[in-house]
Amino acid sequence: MNTKIEVTQLDHLSDARVVVAGDLDDAGGKLTRQQLKRVVESGKINLVVDLDGVGTLGSGGLAALIATLRLARDRGGSVRVQASQPHIRKVMELTGLTRIFRLSPDGAATHAAA
C-alpha cells in the first residue's frame, strides 16, 4: 500500500495535523520521514500525527516519528500521535514510545499544544 500524507493547518501557523495513510514499513517510513521533515522545516513545529489510516507500523515508521519529534523539539515544538487502532497502539507501547510521545486515542487531539 502506498503511503500518503495530508497536512492540515490548525489554529496557529506553527500547528498542523498530519494524517498518514498506508504502511509505515521501511519504504513508507523513509517517505514519511522526508515529508514530515519538510513540514517541520516549513515552520509547522507543533504536530498531531494521525496514524489511524496506517496498516503496518514498522521500524522505518517509528524512526520517522522519532526523527520528526527531534526536529520539532529542536525548534521548540512538540509532536502528539493519534492512534486508535489496537495494533498501532501496541507497537507504540512495546517500543516504549508512549513515554516519549503524547498519545491521543481518537479525534479529540485537534491541537498539538506543547
N, C-alpha and C. Protein backbone atom coordinates (compact mmCIF):
# COMPACT_ATOMS: atom_id res chain seq x y z
N MET A 1 0.84 -1.18 0.00
CA MET A 1 0.00 0.00 0.00
C MET A 1 0.89 1.24 0.00
N ASN A 2 0.62 2.18 -0.87
CA ASN A 2 1.37 3.43 -0.92
C ASN A 2 1.06 4.27 0.31
N THR A 3 2.07 4.98 0.77
CA THR A 3 1.91 5.85 1.92
C THR A 3 1.55 7.25 1.43
N LYS A 4 0.52 7.82 2.04
CA LYS A 4 0.08 9.17 1.69
C LYS A 4 0.03 10.01 2.95
N ILE A 5 0.36 11.29 2.79
CA ILE A 5 0.35 12.21 3.91
C ILE A 5 -0.45 13.44 3.52
N GLU A 6 -1.35 13.83 4.41
CA GLU A 6 -2.15 15.03 4.20
C GLU A 6 -1.93 15.96 5.39
N VAL A 7 -1.54 17.19 5.12
CA VAL A 7 -1.24 18.17 6.17
C VAL A 7 -2.35 19.21 6.19
N THR A 8 -2.89 19.46 7.39
CA THR A 8 -3.93 20.46 7.57
C THR A 8 -3.46 21.49 8.59
N GLN A 9 -3.52 22.76 8.21
CA GLN A 9 -3.17 23.86 9.11
C GLN A 9 -4.19 23.91 10.25
N LEU A 10 -3.72 24.10 11.48
CA LEU A 10 -4.62 24.28 12.61
C LEU A 10 -4.70 25.76 12.96
N ASP A 11 -5.14 26.10 14.17
CA ASP A 11 -5.39 27.48 14.56
C ASP A 11 -4.18 28.41 14.41
N HIS A 12 -3.02 27.94 14.80
CA HIS A 12 -1.81 28.76 14.76
C HIS A 12 -0.94 28.34 13.58
N LEU A 13 -0.15 29.25 13.07
CA LEU A 13 0.71 28.96 11.93
C LEU A 13 1.69 27.83 12.21
N SER A 14 2.07 27.64 13.47
CA SER A 14 3.04 26.60 13.81
C SER A 14 2.39 25.25 14.10
N ASP A 15 1.06 25.17 14.05
CA ASP A 15 0.33 23.94 14.36
C ASP A 15 -0.23 23.29 13.11
N ALA A 16 -0.10 21.97 13.04
CA ALA A 16 -0.66 21.24 11.90
C ALA A 16 -1.07 19.84 12.32
N ARG A 17 -2.04 19.33 11.60
CA ARG A 17 -2.48 17.94 11.75
C ARG A 17 -1.99 17.21 10.51
N VAL A 18 -1.31 16.10 10.73
CA VAL A 18 -0.75 15.31 9.63
C VAL A 18 -1.41 13.94 9.65
N VAL A 19 -2.18 13.64 8.61
CA VAL A 19 -2.85 12.35 8.51
C VAL A 19 -2.00 11.45 7.62
N VAL A 20 -1.61 10.31 8.17
CA VAL A 20 -0.79 9.35 7.43
C VAL A 20 -1.64 8.14 7.10
N ALA A 21 -1.61 7.72 5.85
CA ALA A 21 -2.36 6.54 5.41
C ALA A 21 -1.41 5.63 4.65
N GLY A 22 -1.51 4.34 4.89
CA GLY A 22 -0.66 3.38 4.20
C GLY A 22 0.17 2.61 5.21
N ASP A 23 1.24 2.02 4.73
CA ASP A 23 2.12 1.23 5.59
C ASP A 23 3.37 2.02 5.93
N LEU A 24 3.71 2.05 7.20
CA LEU A 24 4.94 2.70 7.64
C LEU A 24 5.99 1.61 7.88
N ASP A 25 6.31 0.92 6.80
CA ASP A 25 7.39 -0.06 6.82
C ASP A 25 8.67 0.69 6.45
N ASP A 26 9.70 -0.01 5.96
CA ASP A 26 10.95 0.68 5.63
C ASP A 26 10.75 1.74 4.55
N ALA A 27 10.11 1.37 3.45
CA ALA A 27 9.91 2.32 2.34
C ALA A 27 8.95 3.43 2.73
N GLY A 28 7.82 3.08 3.31
CA GLY A 28 6.83 4.07 3.73
C GLY A 28 7.37 4.98 4.83
N GLY A 29 8.18 4.41 5.71
CA GLY A 29 8.79 5.19 6.78
C GLY A 29 9.77 6.21 6.24
N LYS A 30 10.54 5.81 5.24
CA LYS A 30 11.52 6.72 4.64
C LYS A 30 10.82 7.90 3.97
N LEU A 31 9.77 7.59 3.22
CA LEU A 31 8.99 8.64 2.55
C LEU A 31 8.34 9.56 3.58
N THR A 32 7.77 8.98 4.61
CA THR A 32 7.10 9.75 5.66
C THR A 32 8.10 10.64 6.38
N ARG A 33 9.27 10.10 6.66
CA ARG A 33 10.31 10.89 7.34
C ARG A 33 10.68 12.13 6.52
N GLN A 34 10.86 11.95 5.22
CA GLN A 34 11.21 13.08 4.35
C GLN A 34 10.09 14.12 4.32
N GLN A 35 8.86 13.65 4.21
CA GLN A 35 7.74 14.58 4.14
C GLN A 35 7.51 15.30 5.47
N LEU A 36 7.64 14.59 6.58
CA LEU A 36 7.47 15.23 7.88
C LEU A 36 8.59 16.23 8.15
N LYS A 37 9.78 15.94 7.67
CA LYS A 37 10.90 16.87 7.81
C LYS A 37 10.58 18.18 7.09
N ARG A 38 10.02 18.08 5.90
CA ARG A 38 9.63 19.28 5.16
C ARG A 38 8.55 20.07 5.90
N VAL A 39 7.62 19.36 6.51
CA VAL A 39 6.54 20.02 7.26
C VAL A 39 7.14 20.83 8.41
N VAL A 40 8.03 20.20 9.19
CA VAL A 40 8.64 20.88 10.33
C VAL A 40 9.51 22.05 9.85
N GLU A 41 10.28 21.82 8.81
CA GLU A 41 11.15 22.88 8.29
C GLU A 41 10.36 24.05 7.72
N SER A 42 9.11 23.82 7.37
CA SER A 42 8.26 24.91 6.86
C SER A 42 7.69 25.76 7.99
N GLY A 43 7.99 25.37 9.24
CA GLY A 43 7.53 26.15 10.38
C GLY A 43 6.42 25.52 11.19
N LYS A 44 5.93 24.39 10.75
CA LYS A 44 4.89 23.67 11.49
C LYS A 44 5.60 22.79 12.53
N ILE A 45 5.75 23.32 13.74
CA ILE A 45 6.56 22.62 14.75
C ILE A 45 5.73 21.93 15.82
N ASN A 46 4.43 22.20 15.85
CA ASN A 46 3.52 21.51 16.78
C ASN A 46 2.59 20.65 15.94
N LEU A 47 2.83 19.36 16.00
CA LEU A 47 2.12 18.45 15.11
C LEU A 47 1.25 17.45 15.87
N VAL A 48 0.12 17.13 15.28
CA VAL A 48 -0.67 15.96 15.65
C VAL A 48 -0.51 15.02 14.45
N VAL A 49 0.09 13.87 14.69
CA VAL A 49 0.29 12.88 13.62
C VAL A 49 -0.76 11.79 13.80
N ASP A 50 -1.69 11.73 12.88
CA ASP A 50 -2.81 10.79 12.92
C ASP A 50 -2.42 9.51 12.21
N LEU A 51 -2.30 8.43 12.97
CA LEU A 51 -1.90 7.14 12.42
C LEU A 51 -3.08 6.18 12.23
N ASP A 52 -4.30 6.69 12.31
CA ASP A 52 -5.47 5.82 12.22
C ASP A 52 -5.62 5.16 10.85
N GLY A 53 -4.98 5.71 9.82
CA GLY A 53 -5.04 5.12 8.48
C GLY A 53 -3.84 4.26 8.15
N VAL A 54 -3.02 3.97 9.17
CA VAL A 54 -1.80 3.18 8.95
C VAL A 54 -2.10 1.70 9.15
N GLY A 55 -1.66 0.89 8.18
CA GLY A 55 -1.86 -0.55 8.27
C GLY A 55 -0.76 -1.24 9.06
N THR A 56 0.49 -0.91 8.75
CA THR A 56 1.65 -1.51 9.39
C THR A 56 2.56 -0.43 9.92
N LEU A 57 3.00 -0.59 11.16
CA LEU A 57 3.95 0.35 11.76
C LEU A 57 5.21 -0.43 12.11
N GLY A 58 6.23 -0.27 11.27
CA GLY A 58 7.49 -0.97 11.48
C GLY A 58 8.58 -0.02 11.93
N SER A 59 9.82 -0.52 11.93
CA SER A 59 10.94 0.27 12.41
C SER A 59 11.15 1.54 11.59
N GLY A 60 10.88 1.49 10.29
CA GLY A 60 11.01 2.69 9.45
C GLY A 60 10.04 3.77 9.85
N GLY A 61 8.83 3.38 10.17
CA GLY A 61 7.82 4.34 10.60
C GLY A 61 8.14 4.91 11.97
N LEU A 62 8.61 4.04 12.88
CA LEU A 62 8.99 4.51 14.21
C LEU A 62 10.15 5.49 14.12
N ALA A 63 11.12 5.18 13.25
CA ALA A 63 12.26 6.08 13.06
C ALA A 63 11.80 7.44 12.52
N ALA A 64 10.83 7.43 11.63
CA ALA A 64 10.29 8.68 11.08
C ALA A 64 9.65 9.52 12.18
N LEU A 65 8.90 8.88 13.06
CA LEU A 65 8.25 9.60 14.16
C LEU A 65 9.28 10.20 15.12
N ILE A 66 10.30 9.41 15.45
CA ILE A 66 11.35 9.88 16.37
C ILE A 66 12.13 11.04 15.75
N ALA A 67 12.49 10.91 14.48
CA ALA A 67 13.23 11.98 13.81
C ALA A 67 12.40 13.27 13.76
N THR A 68 11.10 13.13 13.52
CA THR A 68 10.21 14.29 13.47
C THR A 68 10.11 14.94 14.84
N LEU A 69 10.01 14.14 15.87
CA LEU A 69 9.95 14.67 17.23
C LEU A 69 11.22 15.46 17.56
N ARG A 70 12.37 14.90 17.20
CA ARG A 70 13.63 15.61 17.46
C ARG A 70 13.69 16.94 16.73
N LEU A 71 13.30 16.94 15.46
CA LEU A 71 13.30 18.18 14.68
C LEU A 71 12.37 19.22 15.29
N ALA A 72 11.18 18.78 15.67
CA ALA A 72 10.19 19.69 16.25
C ALA A 72 10.68 20.24 17.59
N ARG A 73 11.21 19.37 18.43
CA ARG A 73 11.70 19.81 19.74
C ARG A 73 12.87 20.77 19.60
N ASP A 74 13.74 20.52 18.64
CA ASP A 74 14.88 21.42 18.40
C ASP A 74 14.42 22.83 18.07
N ARG A 75 13.20 22.94 17.56
CA ARG A 75 12.64 24.24 17.18
C ARG A 75 11.62 24.73 18.21
N GLY A 76 11.55 24.05 19.35
CA GLY A 76 10.63 24.46 20.41
C GLY A 76 9.23 23.92 20.28
N GLY A 77 9.04 22.90 19.45
CA GLY A 77 7.72 22.34 19.21
C GLY A 77 7.48 21.02 19.90
N SER A 78 6.40 20.36 19.50
CA SER A 78 6.03 19.07 20.08
C SER A 78 5.30 18.22 19.03
N VAL A 79 5.25 16.94 19.30
CA VAL A 79 4.54 16.01 18.42
C VAL A 79 3.64 15.14 19.28
N ARG A 80 2.38 15.08 18.88
CA ARG A 80 1.41 14.20 19.53
C ARG A 80 0.99 13.17 18.48
N VAL A 81 0.83 11.94 18.89
CA VAL A 81 0.42 10.88 17.98
C VAL A 81 -1.00 10.46 18.31
N GLN A 82 -1.84 10.42 17.28
CA GLN A 82 -3.20 9.91 17.43
C GLN A 82 -3.21 8.49 16.90
N ALA A 83 -3.59 7.55 17.75
CA ALA A 83 -3.62 6.14 17.35
C ALA A 83 -4.75 5.44 18.08
N SER A 84 -5.81 5.11 17.34
CA SER A 84 -6.92 4.41 17.97
C SER A 84 -6.92 2.92 17.63
N GLN A 85 -6.14 2.52 16.63
CA GLN A 85 -6.09 1.11 16.26
C GLN A 85 -5.25 0.34 17.30
N PRO A 86 -5.78 -0.75 17.82
CA PRO A 86 -5.06 -1.50 18.86
C PRO A 86 -3.67 -1.98 18.43
N HIS A 87 -3.51 -2.42 17.18
CA HIS A 87 -2.20 -2.94 16.78
C HIS A 87 -1.15 -1.82 16.68
N ILE A 88 -1.56 -0.62 16.35
CA ILE A 88 -0.63 0.51 16.30
C ILE A 88 -0.28 0.95 17.72
N ARG A 89 -1.27 1.02 18.59
CA ARG A 89 -1.02 1.38 20.00
C ARG A 89 -0.09 0.36 20.65
N LYS A 90 -0.28 -0.91 20.31
CA LYS A 90 0.54 -1.97 20.90
C LYS A 90 2.01 -1.80 20.51
N VAL A 91 2.27 -1.50 19.24
CA VAL A 91 3.65 -1.28 18.79
C VAL A 91 4.25 -0.10 19.55
N MET A 92 3.49 0.96 19.69
CA MET A 92 3.97 2.15 20.40
C MET A 92 4.27 1.82 21.87
N GLU A 93 3.42 1.01 22.48
CA GLU A 93 3.62 0.63 23.87
C GLU A 93 4.82 -0.30 24.03
N LEU A 94 4.93 -1.31 23.17
CA LEU A 94 6.02 -2.28 23.26
C LEU A 94 7.39 -1.65 23.05
N THR A 95 7.45 -0.63 22.23
CA THR A 95 8.73 0.04 21.96
C THR A 95 9.03 1.15 22.96
N GLY A 96 8.10 1.41 23.86
CA GLY A 96 8.30 2.44 24.87
C GLY A 96 8.05 3.85 24.37
N LEU A 97 7.54 3.98 23.15
CA LEU A 97 7.34 5.31 22.59
C LEU A 97 6.14 6.03 23.18
N THR A 98 5.30 5.33 23.92
CA THR A 98 4.18 6.00 24.59
C THR A 98 4.70 6.89 25.72
N ARG A 99 5.94 6.65 26.16
CA ARG A 99 6.53 7.51 27.19
C ARG A 99 7.14 8.77 26.58
N ILE A 100 7.40 8.73 25.28
CA ILE A 100 8.05 9.86 24.60
C ILE A 100 7.02 10.74 23.91
N PHE A 101 6.06 10.11 23.24
CA PHE A 101 5.02 10.84 22.52
C PHE A 101 3.79 10.98 23.38
N ARG A 102 3.10 12.09 23.21
CA ARG A 102 1.78 12.20 23.80
C ARG A 102 0.85 11.43 22.88
N LEU A 103 0.26 10.38 23.38
CA LEU A 103 -0.57 9.50 22.57
C LEU A 103 -2.04 9.82 22.81
N SER A 104 -2.73 10.21 21.75
CA SER A 104 -4.15 10.51 21.82
C SER A 104 -4.91 9.34 21.19
N PRO A 105 -5.96 8.86 21.82
CA PRO A 105 -6.66 7.68 21.32
C PRO A 105 -7.58 7.93 20.15
N ASP A 106 -8.04 9.16 19.96
CA ASP A 106 -9.05 9.37 18.93
C ASP A 106 -8.97 10.78 18.37
N GLY A 107 -10.00 11.20 17.67
CA GLY A 107 -10.03 12.50 17.04
C GLY A 107 -10.05 13.68 18.01
N ALA A 108 -10.01 13.42 19.29
CA ALA A 108 -10.02 14.50 20.27
C ALA A 108 -8.76 15.35 20.20
N ALA A 109 -7.71 14.83 19.59
CA ALA A 109 -6.44 15.56 19.50
C ALA A 109 -6.50 16.52 18.33
N THR A 110 -7.00 17.70 18.56
CA THR A 110 -7.09 18.66 17.46
C THR A 110 -5.98 19.68 17.52
N HIS A 111 -5.35 19.84 18.69
CA HIS A 111 -4.26 20.80 18.80
C HIS A 111 -3.02 20.05 19.26
N ALA A 112 -1.87 20.50 18.83
CA ALA A 112 -0.61 19.89 19.25
C ALA A 112 0.12 20.82 20.21
N ALA A 113 -0.61 21.36 21.13
CA ALA A 113 -0.01 22.33 22.06
C ALA A 113 1.07 21.67 22.90
N ALA A 114 2.12 22.42 23.14
CA ALA A 114 3.24 21.92 23.95
C ALA A 114 2.83 21.88 25.36
